[in-house]
């Protein structure tokens, strides 16, 4: 049977010295990353908006429970993100 695997010693490893523009489209703008602070502010804003929607035109209590539950979930995600990012890796 013929061996189809490459011998690891028969080739040199390739060194990557730059980011591919196709993989990082924002590299053309000089920025490549996440905006953690903006995401946290947006999540808190959405949670406040959900709580403000409790005073809507609905009559049931189930809608209120869903709105409160989703708001608590968003705040929980933000708190967890803050705690995880404070711990050293």
PDB file of N, CA and C in Angstrom:
ATOM      1  N   UNK A   1       0.824  -1.172   0.000  1.00  0.00           N
ATOM      2  CA  UNK A   1       0.000   0.000   0.000  1.00  0.00           C
ATOM      3  C   UNK A   1       0.879   1.250   0.000  1.00  0.00           C
ATOM      4  N   UNK A   2       0.525   2.208  -0.776  1.00  0.00           N
ATOM      5  CA  UNK A   2       1.314   3.434  -0.867  1.00  0.00           C
ATOM      6  C   UNK A   2       0.999   4.350   0.307  1.00  0.00           C
ATOM      7  N   UNK A   3       2.054   5.007   0.784  1.00  0.00           N
ATOM      8  CA  UNK A   3       1.865   5.935   1.895  1.00  0.00           C
ATOM      9  C   UNK A   3       1.370   7.271   1.343  1.00  0.00           C
ATOM     10  N   UNK A   4       0.231   7.739   1.856  1.00  0.00           N
ATOM     11  CA  UNK A   4      -0.351   8.982   1.340  1.00  0.00           C
ATOM     12  C   UNK A   4      -0.084  10.172   2.252  1.00  0.00           C
ATOM     13  N   UNK A   5       0.454   9.935   3.436  1.00  0.00           N
ATOM     14  CA  UNK A   5       0.729  11.031   4.353  1.00  0.00           C
ATOM     15  C   UNK A   5       2.082  11.660   4.033  1.00  0.00           C
ATOM     16  N   UNK A   6       2.182  12.948   4.280  1.00  0.00           N
ATOM     17  CA  UNK A   6       3.445  13.640   4.071  1.00  0.00           C
ATOM     18  C   UNK A   6       4.364  13.398   5.257  1.00  0.00           C
ATOM     19  N   UNK A   7       5.641  13.275   4.964  1.00  0.00           N
ATOM     20  CA  UNK A   7       6.623  13.129   6.017  1.00  0.00           C
ATOM     21  C   UNK A   7       6.812  14.499   6.671  1.00  0.00           C
ATOM     22  N   UNK A   8       6.626  14.629   8.000  1.00  0.00           N
ATOM     23  CA  UNK A   8       6.718  15.943   8.628  1.00  0.00           C
ATOM     24  C   UNK A   8       8.070  16.621   8.445  1.00  0.00           C
ATOM     25  N   UNK A   9       9.124  15.846   8.273  1.00  0.00           N
ATOM     26  CA  UNK A   9      10.448  16.438   8.127  1.00  0.00           C
ATOM     27  C   UNK A   9      10.740  16.855   6.685  1.00  0.00           C
ATOM     28  N   UNK A  10       9.840  16.544   5.766  1.00  0.00           N
ATOM     29  CA  UNK A  10      10.136  16.814   4.366  1.00  0.00           C
ATOM     30  C   UNK A  10       9.736  18.216   3.923  1.00  0.00           C
ATOM     31  N   UNK A  11       9.136  18.986   4.793  1.00  0.00           N
ATOM     32  CA  UNK A  11       8.744  20.342   4.418  1.00  0.00           C
ATOM     33  C   UNK A  11       8.991  21.284   5.587  1.00  0.00           C
ATOM     34  N   UNK A  12       9.199  22.533   5.272  1.00  0.00           N
ATOM     35  CA  UNK A  12       9.426  23.545   6.300  1.00  0.00           C
ATOM     36  C   UNK A  12       8.101  24.135   6.738  1.00  0.00           C
ATOM     37  N   UNK A  13       7.971  24.459   8.013  1.00  0.00           N
ATOM     38  CA  UNK A  13       6.723  25.106   8.450  1.00  0.00           C
ATOM     39  C   UNK A  13       6.616  26.506   7.858  1.00  0.00           C
ATOM     40  N   UNK A  14       5.396  26.908   7.581  1.00  0.00           N
ATOM     41  CA  UNK A  14       5.137  28.215   6.998  1.00  0.00           C
ATOM     42  C   UNK A  14       4.941  29.214   8.131  1.00  0.00           C
ATOM     43  N   UNK A  15       5.615  30.348   8.041  1.00  0.00           N
ATOM     44  CA  UNK A  15       5.467  31.398   9.042  1.00  0.00           C
ATOM     45  C   UNK A  15       4.571  32.485   8.474  1.00  0.00           C
ATOM     46  N   UNK A  16       3.543  32.834   9.235  1.00  0.00           N
ATOM     47  CA  UNK A  16       2.633  33.892   8.824  1.00  0.00           C
ATOM     48  C   UNK A  16       3.092  35.196   9.465  1.00  0.00           C
ATOM     49  N   UNK A  17       3.327  36.194   8.654  1.00  0.00           N
ATOM     50  CA  UNK A  17       3.834  37.456   9.173  1.00  0.00           C
ATOM     51  C   UNK A  17       2.812  38.577   9.095  1.00  0.00           C
ATOM     52  N   UNK A  18       1.667  38.336   8.484  1.00  0.00           N
ATOM     53  CA  UNK A  18       0.658  39.384   8.367  1.00  0.00           C
ATOM     54  C   UNK A  18      -0.730  38.767   8.358  1.00  0.00           C
ATOM     55  N   UNK A  19      -1.704  39.597   8.610  1.00  0.00           N
ATOM     56  CA  UNK A  19      -3.094  39.164   8.562  1.00  0.00           C
ATOM     57  C   UNK A  19      -3.594  39.264   7.127  1.00  0.00           C
ATOM     58  N   UNK A  20      -4.373  38.298   6.734  1.00  0.00           N
ATOM     59  CA  UNK A  20      -4.977  38.329   5.410  1.00  0.00           C
ATOM     60  C   UNK A  20      -6.157  39.299   5.433  1.00  0.00           C
ATOM     61  N   UNK A  21      -6.212  40.196   4.475  1.00  0.00           N
ATOM     62  CA  UNK A  21      -7.270  41.200   4.429  1.00  0.00           C
ATOM     63  C   UNK A  21      -8.643  40.531   4.289  1.00  0.00           C
ATOM     64  N   UNK A  22      -8.699  39.403   3.604  1.00  0.00           N
ATOM     65  CA  UNK A  22      -9.981  38.716   3.445  1.00  0.00           C
ATOM     66  C   UNK A  22     -10.486  38.175   4.780  1.00  0.00           C
ATOM     67  N   UNK A  23      -9.573  37.807   5.676  1.00  0.00           N
ATOM     68  CA  UNK A  23      -9.979  37.284   6.973  1.00  0.00           C
ATOM     69  C   UNK A  23     -10.344  38.395   7.953  1.00  0.00           C
ATOM     70  N   UNK A  24      -9.732  39.554   7.803  1.00  0.00           N
ATOM     71  CA  UNK A  24      -9.979  40.672   8.693  1.00  0.00           C
ATOM     72  C   UNK A  24     -10.361  41.875   7.841  1.00  0.00           C
ATOM     73  N   UNK A  25     -11.642  41.989   7.484  1.00  0.00           N
ATOM     74  CA  UNK A  25     -12.027  43.075   6.590  1.00  0.00           C
ATOM     75  C   UNK A  25     -11.837  44.456   7.192  1.00  0.00           C
ATOM     76  N   UNK A  26     -11.875  44.583   8.504  1.00  0.00           N
ATOM     77  CA  UNK A  26     -11.724  45.904   9.102  1.00  0.00           C
ATOM     78  C   UNK A  26     -10.265  46.332   9.205  1.00  0.00           C
ATOM     79  N   UNK A  27      -9.325  45.492   8.782  1.00  0.00           N
ATOM     80  CA  UNK A  27      -7.916  45.864   8.836  1.00  0.00           C
ATOM     81  C   UNK A  27      -7.622  47.045   7.923  1.00  0.00           C
ATOM     82  N   UNK A  28      -8.403  47.224   6.876  1.00  0.00           N
ATOM     83  CA  UNK A  28      -8.215  48.376   5.995  1.00  0.00           C
ATOM     84  C   UNK A  28      -8.501  49.680   6.718  1.00  0.00           C
ATOM     85  N   UNK A  29      -9.342  49.643   7.746  1.00  0.00           N
ATOM     86  CA  UNK A  29      -9.723  50.852   8.471  1.00  0.00           C
ATOM     87  C   UNK A  29      -8.779  51.121   9.634  1.00  0.00           C
ATOM     88  N   UNK A  30      -7.873  50.203   9.923  1.00  0.00           N
ATOM     89  CA  UNK A  30      -6.956  50.395  11.027  1.00  0.00           C
ATOM     90  C   UNK A  30      -7.494  49.920  12.355  1.00  0.00           C
ATOM     91  N   UNK A  31      -8.593  49.200  12.358  1.00  0.00           N
ATOM     92  CA  UNK A  31      -9.172  48.702  13.589  1.00  0.00           C
ATOM     93  C   UNK A  31      -9.578  47.255  13.386  1.00  0.00           C
ATOM     94  N   UNK A  32      -9.210  46.404  14.320  1.00  0.00           N
ATOM     95  CA  UNK A  32      -9.585  45.000  14.238  1.00  0.00           C
ATOM     96  C   UNK A  32      -9.751  44.483  15.660  1.00  0.00           C
ATOM     97  N   UNK A  33     -10.965  44.390  16.102  1.00  0.00           N
ATOM     98  CA  UNK A  33     -11.208  43.908  17.451  1.00  0.00           C
ATOM     99  C   UNK A  33     -12.660  44.052  17.843  1.00  0.00           C
ATOM    100  N   UNK A  34     -12.918  43.847  19.127  1.00  0.00           N
ATOM    101  CA  UNK A  34     -14.271  43.952  19.642  1.00  0.00           C
ATOM    102  C   UNK A  34     -14.394  45.225  20.474  1.00  0.00           C
ATOM    103  N   UNK A  35     -15.553  45.757  20.499  1.00  0.00           N
ATOM    104  CA  UNK A  35     -15.826  46.929  21.327  1.00  0.00           C
ATOM    105  C   UNK A  35     -16.616  46.455  22.541  1.00  0.00           C
ATOM    106  N   UNK A  36     -15.904  45.967  23.543  1.00  0.00           N
ATOM    107  CA  UNK A  36     -16.557  45.375  24.709  1.00  0.00           C
ATOM    108  C   UNK A  36     -17.396  46.390  25.478  1.00  0.00           C
ATOM    109  N   UNK A  37     -16.880  47.595  25.634  1.00  0.00           N
ATOM    110  CA  UNK A  37     -17.609  48.609  26.393  1.00  0.00           C
ATOM    111  C   UNK A  37     -18.913  48.978  25.691  1.00  0.00           C
ATOM    112  N   UNK A  38     -18.873  49.118  24.377  1.00  0.00           N
ATOM    113  CA  UNK A  38     -20.082  49.454  23.628  1.00  0.00           C
ATOM    114  C   UNK A  38     -21.104  48.315  23.694  1.00  0.00           C
ATOM    115  N   UNK A  39     -20.628  47.083  23.655  1.00  0.00           N
ATOM    116  CA  UNK A  39     -21.538  45.938  23.747  1.00  0.00           C
ATOM    117  C   UNK A  39     -22.209  45.882  25.111  1.00  0.00           C
ATOM    118  N   UNK A  40     -21.453  46.174  26.160  1.00  0.00           N
ATOM    119  CA  UNK A  40     -22.039  46.178  27.501  1.00  0.00           C
ATOM    120  C   UNK A  40     -23.087  47.282  27.641  1.00  0.00           C
ATOM    121  N   UNK A  41     -22.758  48.466  27.134  1.00  0.00           N
ATOM    122  CA  UNK A  41     -23.707  49.583  27.206  1.00  0.00           C
ATOM    123  C   UNK A  41     -24.968  49.263  26.418  1.00  0.00           C
ATOM    124  N   UNK A  42     -24.804  48.650  25.248  1.00  0.00           N
ATOM    125  CA  UNK A  42     -25.960  48.291  24.428  1.00  0.00           C
ATOM    126  C   UNK A  42     -26.826  47.248  25.143  1.00  0.00           C
ATOM    127  N   UNK A  43     -26.200  46.270  25.775  1.00  0.00           N
ATOM    128  CA  UNK A  43     -26.961  45.234  26.478  1.00  0.00           C
ATOM    129  C   UNK A  43     -27.740  45.826  27.645  1.00  0.00           C
ATOM    130  N   UNK A  44     -27.126  46.721  28.396  1.00  0.00           N
ATOM    131  CA  UNK A  44     -27.828  47.364  29.511  1.00  0.00           C
ATOM    132  C   UNK A  44     -28.965  48.234  28.976  1.00  0.00           C
ATOM    133  N   UNK A  45     -28.726  48.927  27.866  1.00  0.00           N
ATOM    134  CA  UNK A  45     -29.778  49.742  27.255  1.00  0.00           C
ATOM    135  C   UNK A  45     -30.967  48.910  26.811  1.00  0.00           C
ATOM    136  N   UNK A  46     -30.698  47.756  26.218  1.00  0.00           N
ATOM    137  CA  UNK A  46     -31.783  46.870  25.790  1.00  0.00           C
ATOM    138  C   UNK A  46     -32.532  46.335  27.012  1.00  0.00           C
ATOM    139  N   UNK A  47     -31.801  46.011  28.079  1.00  0.00           N
ATOM    140  CA  UNK A  47     -32.458  45.517  29.294  1.00  0.00           C
ATOM    141  C   UNK A  47     -33.378  46.589  29.884  1.00  0.00           C
ATOM    142  N   UNK A  48     -32.926  47.834  29.904  1.00  0.00           N
ATOM    143  CA  UNK A  48     -33.776  48.931  30.411  1.00  0.00           C
ATOM    144  C   UNK A  48     -35.001  49.098  29.515  1.00  0.00           C
ATOM    145  N   UNK A  49     -34.800  49.017  28.201  1.00  0.00           N
ATOM    146  CA  UNK A  49     -35.925  49.131  27.271  1.00  0.00           C
ATOM    147  C   UNK A  49     -36.939  48.011  27.497  1.00  0.00           C
ATOM    148  N   UNK A  50     -36.453  46.795  27.739  1.00  0.00           N
ATOM    149  CA  UNK A  50     -37.367  45.682  28.013  1.00  0.00           C
ATOM    150  C   UNK A  50     -38.183  45.948  29.277  1.00  0.00           C
ATOM    151  N   UNK A  51     -37.534  46.498  30.300  1.00  0.00           N
ATOM    152  CA  UNK A  51     -38.267  46.791  31.532  1.00  0.00           C
ATOM    153  C   UNK A  51     -39.263  47.929  31.332  1.00  0.00           C
ATOM    154  N   UNK A  52     -38.939  48.885  30.464  1.00  0.00           N
ATOM    155  CA  UNK A  52     -39.887  49.966  30.170  1.00  0.00           C
ATOM    156  C   UNK A  52     -41.096  49.453  29.386  1.00  0.00           C
ATOM    157  N   UNK A  53     -40.923  48.363  28.664  1.00  0.00           N
ATOM    158  CA  UNK A  53     -42.031  47.804  27.891  1.00  0.00           C
ATOM    159  C   UNK A  53     -43.072  47.125  28.772  1.00  0.00           C
ATOM    160  N   UNK A  54     -42.803  46.968  30.058  1.00  0.00           N
ATOM    161  CA  UNK A  54     -43.791  46.388  30.968  1.00  0.00           C
ATOM    162  C   UNK A  54     -45.036  47.267  31.009  1.00  0.00           C
ATOM    163  N   UNK A  55     -44.846  48.573  30.872  1.00  0.00           N
ATOM    164  CA  UNK A  55     -45.967  49.511  30.910  1.00  0.00           C
ATOM    165  C   UNK A  55     -46.574  49.664  29.522  1.00  0.00           C
ATOM    166  N   UNK A  56     -46.868  48.545  28.878  1.00  0.00           N
ATOM    167  CA  UNK A  56     -47.437  48.565  27.536  1.00  0.00           C
ATOM    168  C   UNK A  56     -48.931  48.382  27.556  1.00  0.00           C
ATOM    169  N   UNK A  57     -49.475  47.990  26.421  1.00  0.00           N
ATOM    170  CA  UNK A  57     -50.919  47.847  26.293  1.00  0.00           C
ATOM    171  C   UNK A  57     -51.384  46.402  26.475  1.00  0.00           C
ATOM    172  N   UNK A  58     -50.548  45.552  27.089  1.00  0.00           N
ATOM    173  CA  UNK A  58     -50.954  44.170  27.315  1.00  0.00           C
ATOM    174  C   UNK A  58     -51.619  44.041  28.693  1.00  0.00           C
ATOM    175  N   UNK A  59     -52.441  43.018  28.829  1.00  0.00           N
ATOM    176  CA  UNK A  59     -53.177  42.841  30.081  1.00  0.00           C
ATOM    177  C   UNK A  59     -52.706  41.636  30.874  1.00  0.00           C
ATOM    178  N   UNK A  60     -51.983  40.717  30.248  1.00  0.00           N
ATOM    179  CA  UNK A  60     -51.543  39.513  30.951  1.00  0.00           C
ATOM    180  C   UNK A  60     -50.251  39.732  31.712  1.00  0.00           C
ATOM    181  N   UNK A  61     -49.977  38.825  32.642  1.00  0.00           N
ATOM    182  CA  UNK A  61     -48.754  38.896  33.444  1.00  0.00           C
ATOM    183  C   UNK A  61     -47.622  38.079  32.827  1.00  0.00           C
ATOM    184  N   UNK A  62     -47.944  37.160  31.914  1.00  0.00           N
ATOM    185  CA  UNK A  62     -46.922  36.311  31.302  1.00  0.00           C
ATOM    186  C   UNK A  62     -45.936  37.157  30.493  1.00  0.00           C
ATOM    187  N   UNK A  63     -46.437  38.162  29.806  1.00  0.00           N
ATOM    188  CA  UNK A  63     -45.559  39.035  29.028  1.00  0.00           C
ATOM    189  C   UNK A  63     -44.578  39.754  29.949  1.00  0.00           C
ATOM    190  N   UNK A  64     -45.053  40.185  31.097  1.00  0.00           N
ATOM    191  CA  UNK A  64     -44.187  40.855  32.060  1.00  0.00           C
ATOM    192  C   UNK A  64     -43.075  39.918  32.534  1.00  0.00           C
ATOM    193  N   UNK A  65     -43.431  38.674  32.782  1.00  0.00           N
ATOM    194  CA  UNK A  65     -42.425  37.704  33.235  1.00  0.00           C
ATOM    195  C   UNK A  65     -41.357  37.480  32.171  1.00  0.00           C
ATOM    196  N   UNK A  66     -41.755  37.385  30.908  1.00  0.00           N
ATOM    197  CA  UNK A  66     -40.783  37.226  29.835  1.00  0.00           C
ATOM    198  C   UNK A  66     -39.879  38.452  29.722  1.00  0.00           C
ATOM    199  N   UNK A  67     -40.460  39.636  29.800  1.00  0.00           N
ATOM    200  CA  UNK A  67     -39.661  40.860  29.701  1.00  0.00           C
ATOM    201  C   UNK A  67     -38.661  40.949  30.852  1.00  0.00           C
ATOM    202  N   UNK A  68     -39.107  40.667  32.057  1.00  0.00           N
ATOM    203  CA  UNK A  68     -38.212  40.699  33.214  1.00  0.00           C
ATOM    204  C   UNK A  68     -37.145  39.620  33.093  1.00  0.00           C
ATOM    205  N   UNK A  69     -37.543  38.433  32.653  1.00  0.00           N
ATOM    206  CA  UNK A  69     -36.581  37.332  32.508  1.00  0.00           C
ATOM    207  C   UNK A  69     -35.490  37.639  31.495  1.00  0.00           C
ATOM    208  N   UNK A  70     -35.861  38.184  30.339  1.00  0.00           N
ATOM    209  CA  UNK A  70     -34.854  38.523  29.339  1.00  0.00           C
ATOM    210  C   UNK A  70     -33.962  39.668  29.819  1.00  0.00           C
ATOM    211  N   UNK A  71     -34.525  40.627  30.528  1.00  0.00           N
ATOM    212  CA  UNK A  71     -33.716  41.726  31.066  1.00  0.00           C
ATOM    213  C   UNK A  71     -32.711  41.209  32.089  1.00  0.00           C
ATOM    214  N   UNK A  72     -33.156  40.308  32.960  1.00  0.00           N
ATOM    215  CA  UNK A  72     -32.242  39.711  33.948  1.00  0.00           C
ATOM    216  C   UNK A  72     -31.159  38.907  33.252  1.00  0.00           C
ATOM    217  N   UNK A  73     -31.519  38.183  32.203  1.00  0.00           N
ATOM    218  CA  UNK A  73     -30.528  37.398  31.462  1.00  0.00           C
ATOM    219  C   UNK A  73     -29.469  38.304  30.831  1.00  0.00           C
ATOM    220  N   UNK A  74     -29.880  39.414  30.246  1.00  0.00           N
ATOM    221  CA  UNK A  74     -28.916  40.341  29.641  1.00  0.00           C
ATOM    222  C   UNK A  74     -27.986  40.945  30.689  1.00  0.00           C
ATOM    223  N   UNK A  75     -28.541  41.365  31.808  1.00  0.00           N
ATOM    224  CA  UNK A  75     -27.704  41.921  32.867  1.00  0.00           C
ATOM    225  C   UNK A  75     -26.766  40.850  33.415  1.00  0.00           C
ATOM    226  N   UNK A  76     -27.241  39.623  33.532  1.00  0.00           N
ATOM    227  CA  UNK A  76     -26.387  38.522  33.986  1.00  0.00           C
ATOM    228  C   UNK A  76     -25.229  38.257  33.040  1.00  0.00           C
ATOM    229  N   UNK A  77     -25.489  38.331  31.749  1.00  0.00           N
ATOM    230  CA  UNK A  77     -24.419  38.136  30.763  1.00  0.00           C
ATOM    231  C   UNK A  77     -23.377  39.241  30.882  1.00  0.00           C
ATOM    232  N   UNK A  78     -23.824  40.476  31.083  1.00  0.00           N
ATOM    233  CA  UNK A  78     -22.890  41.597  31.225  1.00  0.00           C
ATOM    234  C   UNK A  78     -22.052  41.437  32.496  1.00  0.00           C
ATOM    235  N   UNK A  79     -22.690  41.074  33.596  1.00  0.00           N
ATOM    236  CA  UNK A  79     -21.959  40.889  34.849  1.00  0.00           C
ATOM    237  C   UNK A  79     -20.951  39.756  34.718  1.00  0.00           C
ATOM    238  N   UNK A  80     -21.356  38.665  34.098  1.00  0.00           N
ATOM    239  CA  UNK A  80     -20.441  37.542  33.898  1.00  0.00           C
ATOM    240  C   UNK A  80     -19.257  37.956  33.028  1.00  0.00           C
ATOM    241  N   UNK A  81     -19.511  38.733  31.987  1.00  0.00           N
ATOM    242  CA  UNK A  81     -18.440  39.196  31.108  1.00  0.00           C
ATOM    243  C   UNK A  81     -17.457  40.073  31.867  1.00  0.00           C
ATOM    244  N   UNK A  82     -17.963  40.948  32.719  1.00  0.00           N
ATOM    245  CA  UNK A  82     -17.076  41.818  33.507  1.00  0.00           C
ATOM    246  C   UNK A  82     -16.212  40.988  34.446  1.00  0.00           C
ATOM    247  N   UNK A  83     -16.803  40.005  35.106  1.00  0.00           N
ATOM    248  CA  UNK A  83     -16.058  39.169  36.049  1.00  0.00           C
ATOM    249  C   UNK A  83     -15.011  38.335  35.328  1.00  0.00           C
ATOM    250  N   UNK A  84     -15.378  37.739  34.201  1.00  0.00           N
ATOM    251  CA  UNK A  84     -14.440  36.882  33.463  1.00  0.00           C
ATOM    252  C   UNK A  84     -13.271  37.699  32.928  1.00  0.00           C
ATOM    253  N   UNK A  85     -13.526  38.905  32.468  1.00  0.00           N
ATOM    254  CA  UNK A  85     -12.439  39.717  31.896  1.00  0.00           C
ATOM    255  C   UNK A  85     -11.520  40.307  32.974  1.00  0.00           C
ATOM    256  N   UNK A  86     -11.964  40.367  34.210  1.00  0.00           N
ATOM    257  CA  UNK A  86     -11.094  40.870  35.290  1.00  0.00           C
ATOM    258  C   UNK A  86     -10.092  39.827  35.753  1.00  0.00           C
ATOM    259  N   UNK A  87     -10.428  38.555  35.624  1.00  0.00           N
ATOM    260  CA  UNK A  87      -9.529  37.498  36.091  1.00  0.00           C
ATOM    261  C   UNK A  87      -8.346  37.400  35.133  1.00  0.00           C
ATOM    262  N   UNK A  88      -7.122  37.292  35.680  1.00  0.00           N
ATOM    263  CA  UNK A  88      -5.966  37.095  34.790  1.00  0.00           C
ATOM    264  C   UNK A  88      -5.977  35.700  34.206  1.00  0.00           C
ATOM    265  N   UNK A  89      -5.489  35.595  33.002  1.00  0.00           N
ATOM    266  CA  UNK A  89      -5.488  34.282  32.329  1.00  0.00           C
ATOM    267  C   UNK A  89      -4.202  33.569  32.529  1.00  0.00           C
TER     268      UNK A  89
END
